[in-house]
N, C-alpha and C. Protein backbone atom coordinates (compact mmCIF):
# COMPACT_ATOMS: atom_id res chain seq x y z
N MET A 1 -22.40 -58.81 65.57
CA MET A 1 -21.36 -58.42 66.13
C MET A 1 -20.41 -58.20 65.12
N THR A 2 -19.47 -57.33 65.06
CA THR A 2 -18.55 -57.26 64.14
C THR A 2 -17.40 -57.76 64.49
N ARG A 3 -16.76 -58.54 64.02
CA ARG A 3 -15.15 -59.34 64.21
C ARG A 3 -14.25 -59.02 63.53
N THR A 4 -13.32 -58.83 64.08
CA THR A 4 -11.76 -58.27 63.41
C THR A 4 -10.95 -59.56 63.39
N ILE A 5 -10.91 -60.15 62.63
CA ILE A 5 -9.64 -61.27 62.03
C ILE A 5 -8.15 -60.70 61.74
N PRO A 6 -7.45 -61.24 62.90
CA PRO A 6 -6.55 -60.60 63.05
C PRO A 6 -5.66 -61.14 61.18
N SER A 7 -4.50 -60.22 61.14
CA SER A 7 -4.09 -60.39 59.63
C SER A 7 -3.26 -61.70 59.29
N VAL A 8 -2.69 -62.40 60.62
CA VAL A 8 -1.86 -63.65 60.92
C VAL A 8 -3.03 -64.69 60.35
N VAL A 9 -4.16 -64.46 60.83
CA VAL A 9 -5.19 -65.76 60.57
C VAL A 9 -5.57 -65.49 59.15
N LEU A 10 -5.73 -64.50 58.53
CA LEU A 10 -6.52 -64.42 57.61
C LEU A 10 -5.29 -64.80 56.67
N ASN A 11 -3.84 -64.48 56.88
CA ASN A 11 -2.71 -64.99 56.07
C ASN A 11 -2.70 -66.72 56.04
N ALA A 12 -2.72 -67.23 57.15
CA ALA A 12 -2.81 -68.60 57.76
C ALA A 12 -3.84 -69.10 56.80
N LEU A 13 -4.76 -68.71 56.57
CA LEU A 13 -5.78 -69.41 55.81
C LEU A 13 -5.73 -69.52 54.33
N ASP A 14 -4.67 -68.62 53.68
CA ASP A 14 -4.52 -68.76 52.62
C ASP A 14 -3.34 -69.52 51.90
N GLU A 15 -2.52 -70.29 53.13
CA GLU A 15 -1.48 -71.05 53.09
C GLU A 15 -1.95 -72.52 52.49
N ASP A 16 -1.21 -73.44 52.18
CA ASP A 16 -1.38 -74.50 51.29
C ASP A 16 -1.93 -75.70 52.84
N VAL A 17 -0.97 -75.48 53.64
CA VAL A 17 -0.94 -76.38 54.92
C VAL A 17 -1.23 -75.45 56.24
N ILE A 18 -2.47 -75.73 56.66
CA ILE A 18 -2.53 -75.06 58.16
C ILE A 18 -2.85 -76.11 58.91
N SER A 19 -3.08 -75.30 60.36
CA SER A 19 -3.07 -76.46 61.51
C SER A 19 -4.04 -75.63 62.68
N PRO A 20 -5.37 -75.44 62.63
CA PRO A 20 -6.62 -74.96 63.23
C PRO A 20 -6.35 -75.55 64.42
N PHE A 21 -6.80 -74.92 65.44
CA PHE A 21 -7.06 -75.73 67.09
C PHE A 21 -7.91 -74.71 67.87
N PHE A 22 -8.25 -75.00 68.70
CA PHE A 22 -9.10 -74.38 69.95
C PHE A 22 -8.54 -74.10 70.64
N ALA A 23 -8.70 -72.98 71.04
CA ALA A 23 -8.32 -72.99 73.00
C ALA A 23 -9.17 -72.01 73.67
N VAL A 24 -8.83 -72.76 74.97
CA VAL A 24 -9.99 -71.94 76.02
C VAL A 24 -9.05 -71.56 77.32
N GLU A 25 -10.12 -70.50 77.78
CA GLU A 25 -9.43 -69.55 78.86
C GLU A 25 -10.54 -69.93 79.78
N LEU A 26 -9.93 -70.29 81.22
CA LEU A 26 -10.89 -70.34 82.53
C LEU A 26 -10.50 -69.13 83.20
N LEU A 27 -11.15 -67.68 83.20
CA LEU A 27 -10.60 -67.15 84.42
C LEU A 27 -11.34 -66.91 85.62
N PHE A 28 -10.23 -67.82 86.71
CA PHE A 28 -10.91 -67.66 88.17
C PHE A 28 -10.39 -66.93 88.74
N ASP A 29 -10.98 -66.23 90.04
CA ASP A 29 -10.72 -65.50 90.63
C ASP A 29 -9.58 -65.19 91.27
N SER A 30 -9.11 -66.46 91.44
CA SER A 30 -7.46 -66.88 92.07
C SER A 30 -6.57 -66.41 91.22
N PRO A 31 -5.60 -66.88 91.34
CA PRO A 31 -4.31 -66.95 90.29
C PRO A 31 -4.29 -68.04 89.59
N ASN A 32 -5.43 -69.08 89.63
CA ASN A 32 -5.63 -70.39 89.06
C ASN A 32 -5.84 -70.43 87.54
N GLU A 33 -5.87 -69.15 86.95
CA GLU A 33 -6.28 -69.41 85.62
C GLU A 33 -6.04 -70.41 84.90
N ILE A 34 -6.77 -71.45 84.04
CA ILE A 34 -6.62 -72.20 82.97
C ILE A 34 -6.47 -72.09 81.54
N HIS A 35 -5.15 -72.28 80.66
CA HIS A 35 -5.00 -72.19 79.56
C HIS A 35 -5.10 -73.21 78.88
N LEU A 36 -5.79 -73.81 77.52
CA LEU A 36 -6.01 -75.35 77.56
C LEU A 36 -6.30 -74.85 75.60
N TRP A 37 -5.71 -75.66 74.97
CA TRP A 37 -5.39 -75.81 73.50
C TRP A 37 -5.63 -77.29 73.18
N THR A 38 -6.27 -77.64 72.15
CA THR A 38 -6.67 -78.78 71.65
C THR A 38 -5.38 -79.57 70.48
N GLY A 39 -4.40 -78.86 71.25
CA GLY A 39 -3.09 -79.30 70.34
C GLY A 39 -2.16 -80.42 71.29
N VAL A 40 -0.82 -80.66 71.15
CA VAL A 40 -0.31 -81.64 71.76
C VAL A 40 1.06 -80.64 72.28
N GLY A 41 0.96 -80.87 74.02
CA GLY A 41 2.33 -79.95 74.31
C GLY A 41 2.01 -78.66 74.47
N ASP A 42 2.85 -78.22 75.44
CA ASP A 42 2.71 -76.72 75.77
C ASP A 42 2.54 -75.46 74.12
N LEU A 43 1.58 -74.30 74.40
CA LEU A 43 1.59 -73.59 73.58
C LEU A 43 2.07 -71.99 74.40
N ASP A 44 3.54 -71.25 73.84
CA ASP A 44 3.32 -70.24 74.36
C ASP A 44 2.98 -69.17 73.59
N TYR A 45 1.99 -68.54 73.87
CA TYR A 45 1.20 -67.61 73.24
C TYR A 45 0.82 -66.22 74.18
N ASP A 46 1.12 -65.06 73.67
CA ASP A 46 0.72 -63.90 74.27
C ASP A 46 1.07 -63.95 76.12
N GLY A 47 2.47 -64.23 75.89
CA GLY A 47 3.02 -64.36 77.43
C GLY A 47 2.72 -65.28 78.40
N LYS A 48 1.34 -66.18 77.60
CA LYS A 48 0.51 -67.45 78.60
C LYS A 48 1.34 -68.89 77.94
N ILE A 49 1.00 -69.99 78.70
CA ILE A 49 1.46 -71.27 78.44
C ILE A 49 0.09 -71.88 78.35
N TRP A 50 -0.19 -72.46 77.40
CA TRP A 50 -1.45 -73.31 77.16
C TRP A 50 -1.10 -74.78 77.03
N VAL A 51 -1.91 -75.17 77.52
CA VAL A 51 -1.63 -76.87 77.74
C VAL A 51 -2.33 -77.49 76.78
N GLY A 52 -1.48 -78.38 76.26
CA GLY A 52 -2.11 -79.30 75.28
C GLY A 52 -2.98 -80.08 76.01
N THR A 53 -4.36 -80.30 75.18
CA THR A 53 -5.04 -81.42 75.95
C THR A 53 -5.16 -82.66 74.84
N GLY A 54 -4.99 -82.06 73.25
CA GLY A 54 -4.94 -83.23 72.42
C GLY A 54 -6.61 -83.05 72.36
N ASN A 55 -7.11 -84.69 71.80
CA ASN A 55 -8.47 -85.33 71.94
C ASN A 55 -9.55 -85.32 72.95
N LEU A 56 -8.69 -84.81 74.42
CA LEU A 56 -9.31 -84.66 75.85
C LEU A 56 -10.04 -83.03 75.53
N LEU A 57 -10.52 -82.63 75.03
CA LEU A 57 -11.08 -81.44 75.09
C LEU A 57 -12.02 -81.46 73.62
N ALA A 58 -13.22 -81.41 74.44
CA ALA A 58 -14.41 -81.53 73.43
C ALA A 58 -15.28 -79.78 73.30
N ILE A 59 -15.97 -79.42 72.14
CA ILE A 59 -16.64 -78.05 72.46
C ILE A 59 -17.63 -78.06 71.82
N SER A 60 -18.72 -78.02 72.35
CA SER A 60 -19.90 -77.96 71.19
C SER A 60 -19.91 -77.36 70.17
N ALA A 61 -20.96 -77.15 69.37
CA ALA A 61 -21.41 -75.88 68.34
C ALA A 61 -21.84 -74.76 69.14
N ILE A 62 -20.74 -73.48 68.81
CA ILE A 62 -21.16 -72.23 69.33
C ILE A 62 -21.94 -71.67 67.93
N GLU A 63 -23.11 -71.43 68.66
CA GLU A 63 -24.05 -70.72 67.46
C GLU A 63 -24.38 -69.46 67.95
N GLU A 64 -24.37 -68.42 66.49
CA GLU A 64 -24.53 -66.99 66.67
C GLU A 64 -25.17 -66.46 65.57
N GLY A 65 -26.60 -65.72 65.86
CA GLY A 65 -27.43 -64.97 65.07
C GLY A 65 -27.39 -63.77 65.32
N SER A 66 -28.43 -63.04 64.50
CA SER A 66 -28.32 -61.89 64.50
C SER A 66 -29.77 -61.18 65.30
N ASP A 67 -30.25 -62.27 66.11
CA ASP A 67 -31.70 -61.89 66.80
C ASP A 67 -31.18 -61.72 68.10
N LEU A 68 -29.75 -62.07 69.03
CA LEU A 68 -29.62 -61.51 70.24
C LEU A 68 -29.93 -62.49 70.98
N ALA A 69 -30.16 -63.84 70.27
CA ALA A 69 -30.40 -65.14 71.27
C ALA A 69 -29.65 -65.02 71.88
N VAL A 70 -29.70 -65.90 73.42
CA VAL A 70 -29.10 -66.17 74.11
C VAL A 70 -28.08 -67.74 73.96
N LYS A 71 -27.50 -68.45 73.48
CA LYS A 71 -26.64 -69.46 73.37
C LYS A 71 -25.75 -69.73 73.89
N GLY A 72 -25.52 -71.05 74.64
CA GLY A 72 -24.28 -71.05 75.31
C GLY A 72 -23.64 -71.87 74.54
N ALA A 73 -22.45 -72.66 75.33
CA ALA A 73 -21.59 -73.66 74.64
C ALA A 73 -21.40 -74.88 76.00
N THR A 74 -21.01 -75.79 75.64
CA THR A 74 -20.91 -76.87 76.46
C THR A 74 -19.29 -77.58 76.33
N LEU A 75 -18.08 -77.38 77.18
CA LEU A 75 -17.02 -77.80 77.07
C LEU A 75 -17.00 -79.31 77.95
N THR A 76 -16.18 -80.09 77.31
CA THR A 76 -16.20 -81.51 77.66
C THR A 76 -14.60 -81.84 78.02
N PHE A 77 -14.01 -82.22 79.04
CA PHE A 77 -12.58 -82.43 79.56
C PHE A 77 -12.96 -83.46 80.14
N SER A 78 -12.11 -84.83 79.17
CA SER A 78 -11.82 -86.00 79.72
C SER A 78 -10.56 -86.28 79.89
N GLY A 79 -10.58 -87.35 80.89
CA GLY A 79 -8.71 -87.58 81.14
C GLY A 79 -8.16 -86.63 82.25
N ILE A 80 -8.97 -86.14 83.08
CA ILE A 80 -8.75 -85.01 83.88
C ILE A 80 -7.42 -85.57 84.96
N THR A 81 -6.63 -84.63 84.80
CA THR A 81 -5.57 -84.83 86.16
C THR A 81 -6.44 -84.68 87.62
N THR A 82 -5.89 -85.21 88.60
CA THR A 82 -6.11 -85.12 90.38
C THR A 82 -5.88 -83.13 90.29
N GLU A 83 -4.98 -83.02 89.84
CA GLU A 83 -4.69 -81.62 90.33
C GLU A 83 -6.08 -80.28 89.63
N ILE A 84 -6.46 -80.83 88.52
CA ILE A 84 -7.38 -80.43 87.85
C ILE A 84 -8.79 -80.75 88.17
N LEU A 85 -8.90 -81.79 88.63
CA LEU A 85 -10.10 -82.24 89.46
C LEU A 85 -10.14 -81.45 91.15
N SER A 86 -9.21 -81.66 91.64
CA SER A 86 -9.60 -80.66 92.71
C SER A 86 -9.66 -79.36 92.72
N LEU A 87 -9.03 -78.82 91.71
CA LEU A 87 -9.49 -77.25 91.79
C LEU A 87 -10.60 -77.24 91.04
N ALA A 88 -11.67 -78.16 90.34
CA ALA A 88 -12.50 -78.04 90.11
C ALA A 88 -13.64 -77.74 90.96
N LEU A 89 -13.13 -78.97 91.97
CA LEU A 89 -13.97 -79.41 93.26
C LEU A 89 -14.04 -77.83 94.31
N ALA A 90 -12.98 -77.40 94.52
CA ALA A 90 -12.47 -76.44 95.39
C ALA A 90 -12.59 -74.94 95.00
N GLU A 91 -12.64 -74.10 94.06
CA GLU A 91 -13.21 -73.61 92.89
C GLU A 91 -13.99 -72.71 92.64
N PRO A 92 -14.64 -71.51 93.66
CA PRO A 92 -15.77 -71.22 93.00
C PRO A 92 -15.82 -70.38 91.48
N TYR A 93 -16.79 -70.96 90.63
CA TYR A 93 -16.56 -71.13 89.59
C TYR A 93 -17.54 -70.44 88.51
N GLN A 94 -18.92 -70.58 89.16
CA GLN A 94 -19.96 -69.57 88.54
C GLN A 94 -19.68 -68.34 88.49
N GLY A 95 -19.87 -67.80 87.45
CA GLY A 95 -20.14 -66.64 87.21
C GLY A 95 -18.44 -65.97 86.65
N ARG A 96 -17.76 -66.64 86.39
CA ARG A 96 -16.61 -66.38 86.21
C ARG A 96 -16.18 -66.53 84.44
N VAL A 97 -15.36 -65.61 83.71
CA VAL A 97 -15.11 -65.91 82.54
C VAL A 97 -14.17 -66.89 81.70
N CYS A 98 -15.42 -67.32 80.77
CA CYS A 98 -14.45 -68.55 79.93
C CYS A 98 -14.49 -67.74 78.57
N ASN A 99 -13.61 -67.85 78.04
CA ASN A 99 -12.98 -67.62 76.36
C ASN A 99 -12.90 -68.49 75.55
N ILE A 100 -13.74 -68.56 74.53
CA ILE A 100 -13.31 -69.55 73.93
C ILE A 100 -12.57 -69.17 72.23
N TYR A 101 -11.70 -69.46 71.45
CA TYR A 101 -10.98 -69.24 70.69
C TYR A 101 -10.38 -70.24 69.72
N LEU A 102 -10.57 -69.55 68.09
CA LEU A 102 -10.32 -70.30 67.40
C LEU A 102 -8.67 -69.90 67.10
N GLY A 103 -7.75 -70.83 66.76
CA GLY A 103 -6.56 -70.63 66.64
C GLY A 103 -5.69 -71.29 65.50
N VAL A 104 -4.65 -70.83 64.31
CA VAL A 104 -4.01 -71.10 63.61
C VAL A 104 -2.34 -71.40 63.58
N THR A 105 -1.80 -72.23 63.46
CA THR A 105 -0.34 -72.28 63.47
C THR A 105 -0.35 -72.29 61.59
N SER A 106 0.90 -71.38 61.58
CA SER A 106 1.57 -71.82 60.20
C SER A 106 2.86 -71.37 60.35
N ASP A 107 3.18 -70.11 59.94
CA ASP A 107 4.61 -69.78 60.50
C ASP A 107 4.36 -69.15 61.52
N GLU A 108 3.47 -68.35 61.97
CA GLU A 108 3.15 -67.99 62.96
C GLU A 108 1.72 -68.49 64.26
N THR A 109 1.72 -68.09 65.32
CA THR A 109 0.63 -68.59 66.05
C THR A 109 -0.54 -67.32 66.23
N ALA A 110 -1.94 -67.68 65.75
CA ALA A 110 -2.58 -66.52 66.38
C ALA A 110 -3.99 -67.05 66.89
N LEU A 111 -4.60 -66.23 67.67
CA LEU A 111 -5.97 -66.55 68.01
C LEU A 111 -6.96 -65.65 67.80
N THR A 112 -8.25 -65.96 67.65
CA THR A 112 -8.99 -64.70 67.03
C THR A 112 -10.30 -65.57 68.20
N GLN A 113 -11.36 -64.84 68.82
CA GLN A 113 -11.95 -65.12 69.75
C GLN A 113 -13.10 -65.15 69.34
N LEU A 114 -13.82 -66.82 69.52
CA LEU A 114 -15.21 -66.87 69.08
C LEU A 114 -16.12 -67.01 69.98
N PHE A 115 -16.14 -66.97 71.41
CA PHE A 115 -16.98 -66.86 72.44
C PHE A 115 -16.42 -66.33 73.71
N SER A 116 -17.30 -65.60 74.18
CA SER A 116 -16.78 -65.00 75.79
C SER A 116 -18.05 -65.12 76.40
N GLY A 117 -18.30 -65.78 77.63
CA GLY A 117 -19.12 -65.82 78.66
C GLY A 117 -18.98 -66.20 79.98
N TYR A 118 -19.76 -67.03 80.67
CA TYR A 118 -19.49 -67.20 81.74
C TYR A 118 -20.02 -68.49 82.56
N MET A 119 -19.19 -69.31 83.09
CA MET A 119 -19.25 -70.45 83.70
C MET A 119 -20.28 -70.87 84.39
N ASP A 120 -21.33 -71.99 84.01
CA ASP A 120 -22.71 -71.82 84.37
C ASP A 120 -22.67 -73.11 85.65
N GLN A 121 -22.92 -74.40 85.08
CA GLN A 121 -22.76 -75.71 85.57
C GLN A 121 -21.76 -76.58 85.23
N MET A 122 -20.99 -76.92 86.40
CA MET A 122 -19.61 -78.24 85.72
C MET A 122 -20.62 -79.67 86.76
N ASN A 123 -20.82 -80.34 86.03
CA ASN A 123 -20.61 -82.11 86.13
C ASN A 123 -19.53 -83.06 85.88
N ILE A 124 -19.42 -83.45 87.24
CA ILE A 124 -18.34 -84.21 86.82
C ILE A 124 -18.56 -85.63 86.98
N SER A 125 -18.22 -86.19 86.30
CA SER A 125 -18.21 -87.38 86.58
C SER A 125 -17.25 -88.83 86.26
N GLU A 126 -16.97 -89.22 87.48
CA GLU A 126 -15.72 -90.27 87.46
C GLU A 126 -15.39 -91.79 87.55
N SER A 127 -14.40 -92.27 87.25
CA SER A 127 -14.69 -93.79 86.76
C SER A 127 -13.99 -94.28 87.57
N ALA A 128 -13.51 -95.45 87.96
CA ALA A 128 -12.09 -95.90 88.09
C ALA A 128 -11.11 -95.45 87.43
N ASP A 129 -10.94 -95.65 86.49
CA ASP A 129 -10.00 -95.15 85.28
C ASP A 129 -9.80 -93.55 84.96
N GLU A 130 -10.80 -93.08 84.77
CA GLU A 130 -10.39 -91.46 84.44
C GLU A 130 -11.63 -90.68 85.64
N ALA A 131 -11.28 -89.36 84.89
CA ALA A 131 -12.75 -88.32 85.31
C ALA A 131 -12.78 -87.24 84.19
N ALA A 132 -13.72 -86.97 84.54
CA ALA A 132 -14.94 -86.23 83.05
C ALA A 132 -15.25 -85.04 83.91
N ILE A 133 -15.35 -83.60 83.02
CA ILE A 133 -15.85 -82.65 83.90
C ILE A 133 -16.45 -82.28 82.61
N GLU A 134 -18.12 -81.71 82.66
CA GLU A 134 -18.81 -80.65 81.74
C GLU A 134 -18.93 -79.98 81.96
N LEU A 135 -18.39 -78.85 81.14
CA LEU A 135 -18.89 -77.48 81.74
C LEU A 135 -19.89 -76.78 81.07
N THR A 136 -20.98 -76.08 81.13
CA THR A 136 -21.68 -75.18 80.66
C THR A 136 -21.29 -73.74 80.56
N VAL A 137 -21.41 -73.32 79.65
CA VAL A 137 -21.04 -71.88 79.74
C VAL A 137 -22.41 -70.84 78.76
N GLU A 138 -22.35 -70.08 79.48
CA GLU A 138 -23.44 -69.22 78.80
C GLU A 138 -23.41 -67.40 78.76
N ASN A 139 -23.94 -67.33 77.38
CA ASN A 139 -23.24 -66.18 76.60
C ASN A 139 -23.54 -65.27 77.61
N ARG A 140 -22.42 -64.16 77.35
CA ARG A 140 -22.74 -62.46 77.96
C ARG A 140 -23.74 -62.01 77.85
N LEU A 141 -24.92 -62.45 77.19
CA LEU A 141 -26.30 -61.61 76.66
C LEU A 141 -27.25 -61.93 77.75
N ILE A 142 -26.75 -63.27 78.80
CA ILE A 142 -27.91 -63.69 79.52
C ILE A 142 -27.80 -62.42 80.48
N ASP A 143 -26.83 -61.27 80.49
CA ASP A 143 -27.10 -60.67 81.39
C ASP A 143 -28.04 -59.49 81.22
N LEU A 144 -28.71 -59.56 79.45
CA LEU A 144 -29.60 -58.60 79.12
C LEU A 144 -30.82 -59.17 80.00
N GLU A 145 -30.93 -60.41 80.34
CA GLU A 145 -32.15 -61.17 80.81
C GLU A 145 -32.33 -61.26 82.53
N ARG A 146 -31.39 -60.52 83.18
CA ARG A 146 -31.34 -60.94 84.27
C ARG A 146 -31.94 -59.41 84.79
N PRO A 147 -32.60 -59.56 86.19
CA PRO A 147 -33.38 -58.38 86.74
C PRO A 147 -32.41 -57.52 87.44
N ARG A 148 -32.71 -56.20 87.56
CA ARG A 148 -31.55 -55.08 87.71
C ARG A 148 -32.73 -54.45 88.82
N ILE A 149 -32.13 -54.81 89.92
CA ILE A 149 -33.24 -54.59 91.03
C ILE A 149 -32.98 -53.51 91.66
N ALA A 150 -33.73 -52.25 91.53
CA ALA A 150 -33.26 -50.76 92.38
C ALA A 150 -34.54 -50.34 93.03
N ARG A 151 -34.42 -50.04 94.15
CA ARG A 151 -35.81 -49.45 94.90
C ARG A 151 -35.22 -47.91 95.01
N TYR A 152 -36.55 -47.36 94.76
CA TYR A 152 -36.27 -45.69 94.72
C TYR A 152 -36.63 -45.37 96.16
N THR A 153 -35.83 -45.81 97.42
CA THR A 153 -35.76 -45.54 98.34
C THR A 153 -34.49 -44.89 98.87
N SER A 154 -34.47 -43.74 100.08
CA SER A 154 -33.44 -43.10 100.48
C SER A 154 -32.44 -44.25 100.91
N ALA A 155 -32.55 -45.02 101.64
CA ALA A 155 -31.24 -45.76 101.85
C ALA A 155 -30.73 -46.40 100.51
N TYR A 156 -31.38 -47.13 99.56
CA TYR A 156 -31.15 -47.58 98.36
C TYR A 156 -29.97 -46.55 97.57
N GLN A 157 -30.62 -45.46 97.53
CA GLN A 157 -29.95 -44.35 96.65
C GLN A 157 -28.57 -43.76 97.72
N LYS A 158 -28.30 -43.93 99.20
CA LYS A 158 -27.78 -43.54 99.43
C LYS A 158 -26.41 -44.78 99.40
N SER A 159 -27.07 -46.06 99.46
CA SER A 159 -26.17 -47.13 99.11
C SER A 159 -25.12 -47.49 97.97
N VAL A 160 -25.88 -46.58 96.97
CA VAL A 160 -24.99 -46.48 95.39
C VAL A 160 -24.17 -45.32 95.42
N TYR A 161 -25.02 -44.27 96.03
CA TYR A 161 -24.27 -42.68 95.74
C TYR A 161 -24.43 -42.14 97.27
N PRO A 162 -23.35 -42.36 98.05
CA PRO A 162 -23.14 -41.78 99.20
C PRO A 162 -23.26 -39.95 99.56
N GLY A 163 -24.04 -39.92 100.49
CA GLY A 163 -24.34 -38.54 100.70
C GLY A 163 -25.33 -37.79 99.73
N ASP A 164 -26.17 -38.67 99.27
CA ASP A 164 -27.22 -38.16 97.96
C ASP A 164 -28.52 -38.09 99.11
N LEU A 165 -29.23 -36.70 98.97
CA LEU A 165 -29.96 -36.69 99.49
C LEU A 165 -31.73 -36.52 98.88
N GLY A 166 -31.14 -36.85 97.78
CA GLY A 166 -32.90 -36.58 96.87
C GLY A 166 -33.74 -37.20 97.20
N LEU A 167 -33.83 -38.19 97.64
CA LEU A 167 -34.67 -39.22 98.11
C LEU A 167 -35.11 -39.22 99.45
N ASP A 168 -34.96 -38.71 100.20
CA ASP A 168 -35.14 -37.93 101.51
C ASP A 168 -36.40 -37.85 102.21
N PHE A 169 -36.82 -37.17 101.37
CA PHE A 169 -38.40 -36.26 101.38
C PHE A 169 -39.42 -37.07 100.86
N VAL A 170 -38.97 -38.33 99.75
CA VAL A 170 -39.92 -38.93 99.44
C VAL A 170 -41.10 -39.73 100.32
N GLU A 171 -40.80 -40.26 101.38
CA GLU A 171 -41.81 -40.47 102.19
C GLU A 171 -42.43 -39.51 102.68
N ASP A 172 -42.08 -38.48 103.04
CA ASP A 172 -43.24 -37.18 103.79
C ASP A 172 -44.25 -37.26 102.53
N LEU A 173 -43.82 -37.19 100.92
CA LEU A 173 -44.54 -37.07 100.05
C LEU A 173 -45.80 -37.66 100.06
N GLN A 174 -45.80 -39.13 100.52
CA GLN A 174 -46.54 -39.76 100.42
C GLN A 174 -48.36 -39.81 100.99
N ASP A 175 -48.05 -39.35 102.29
CA ASP A 175 -49.54 -38.79 102.80
C ASP A 175 -49.85 -37.61 102.85
N LYS A 176 -49.58 -36.48 101.95
CA LYS A 176 -49.24 -35.10 102.23
C LYS A 176 -50.80 -34.77 100.85
N GLU A 177 -51.55 -33.90 101.43
CA GLU A 177 -52.43 -33.24 100.49
C GLU A 177 -51.92 -32.04 100.06
N ILE A 178 -52.22 -32.36 98.67
CA ILE A 178 -51.24 -31.41 97.62
C ILE A 178 -52.56 -30.06 97.29
N VAL A 179 -52.62 -28.72 97.39
CA VAL A 179 -54.13 -28.25 96.47
C VAL A 179 -53.44 -28.08 95.44
N TRP A 180 -54.32 -28.26 94.41
CA TRP A 180 -53.91 -27.72 92.78
C TRP A 180 -54.77 -26.50 92.20
N GLY A 181 -54.23 -25.67 91.62
CA GLY A 181 -55.20 -24.66 91.06
C GLY A 181 -55.43 -23.64 92.48
N ARG A 182 -56.79 -22.83 91.55
CA ARG A 182 -57.22 -22.05 92.59
C ARG A 182 -57.91 -22.44 93.78
N SER A 183 -58.34 -21.64 95.10
CA SER A 183 -59.12 -22.26 96.29
C SER A 183 -60.62 -21.53 95.82
N VAL A 184 -61.38 -22.60 95.86
CA VAL A 184 -62.85 -22.23 95.64
C VAL A 184 -63.45 -21.50 97.05
N GLY A 185 -64.03 -20.28 97.03
CA GLY A 185 -64.79 -20.04 98.17
C GLY A 185 -64.73 -18.74 99.18
């Protein structure tokens, strides 16, 4: 997959001192989108407030190859607040989009997307002192491995294309005797 790296990122990489960071965007169905970054404090970028997690957010290695292999990532959130923990317990998360970015700050802040996938499993561990969430994210290429179930029946065709009569007569053809060629004798 060809990636375009923003010129702000390329320019920042030429600087003597840069501050790279990771950013994670969890897109739930409700307005409870979560934007986190591995810095300290809040980051205002692209009209969104990214909450700083410092060392409380860990991202596994993100692998990518040319063979279309489906490789996911694991995000670990430690020191979770009760607000985020209750959201994790209440909000349906499976199949929701998760984006992981690499960002740099120098004169400007810029993000470039490293990974986009779907939230899969969330494991929550709690102790008396803190809570941690481990979220596995599957690559979008996983869609290529999912079966596409389609039935060649009139009912299925009408559920996809209402008013289509193209398969209405298929059942009548099932027991129909078709004489092919010239009749003998």
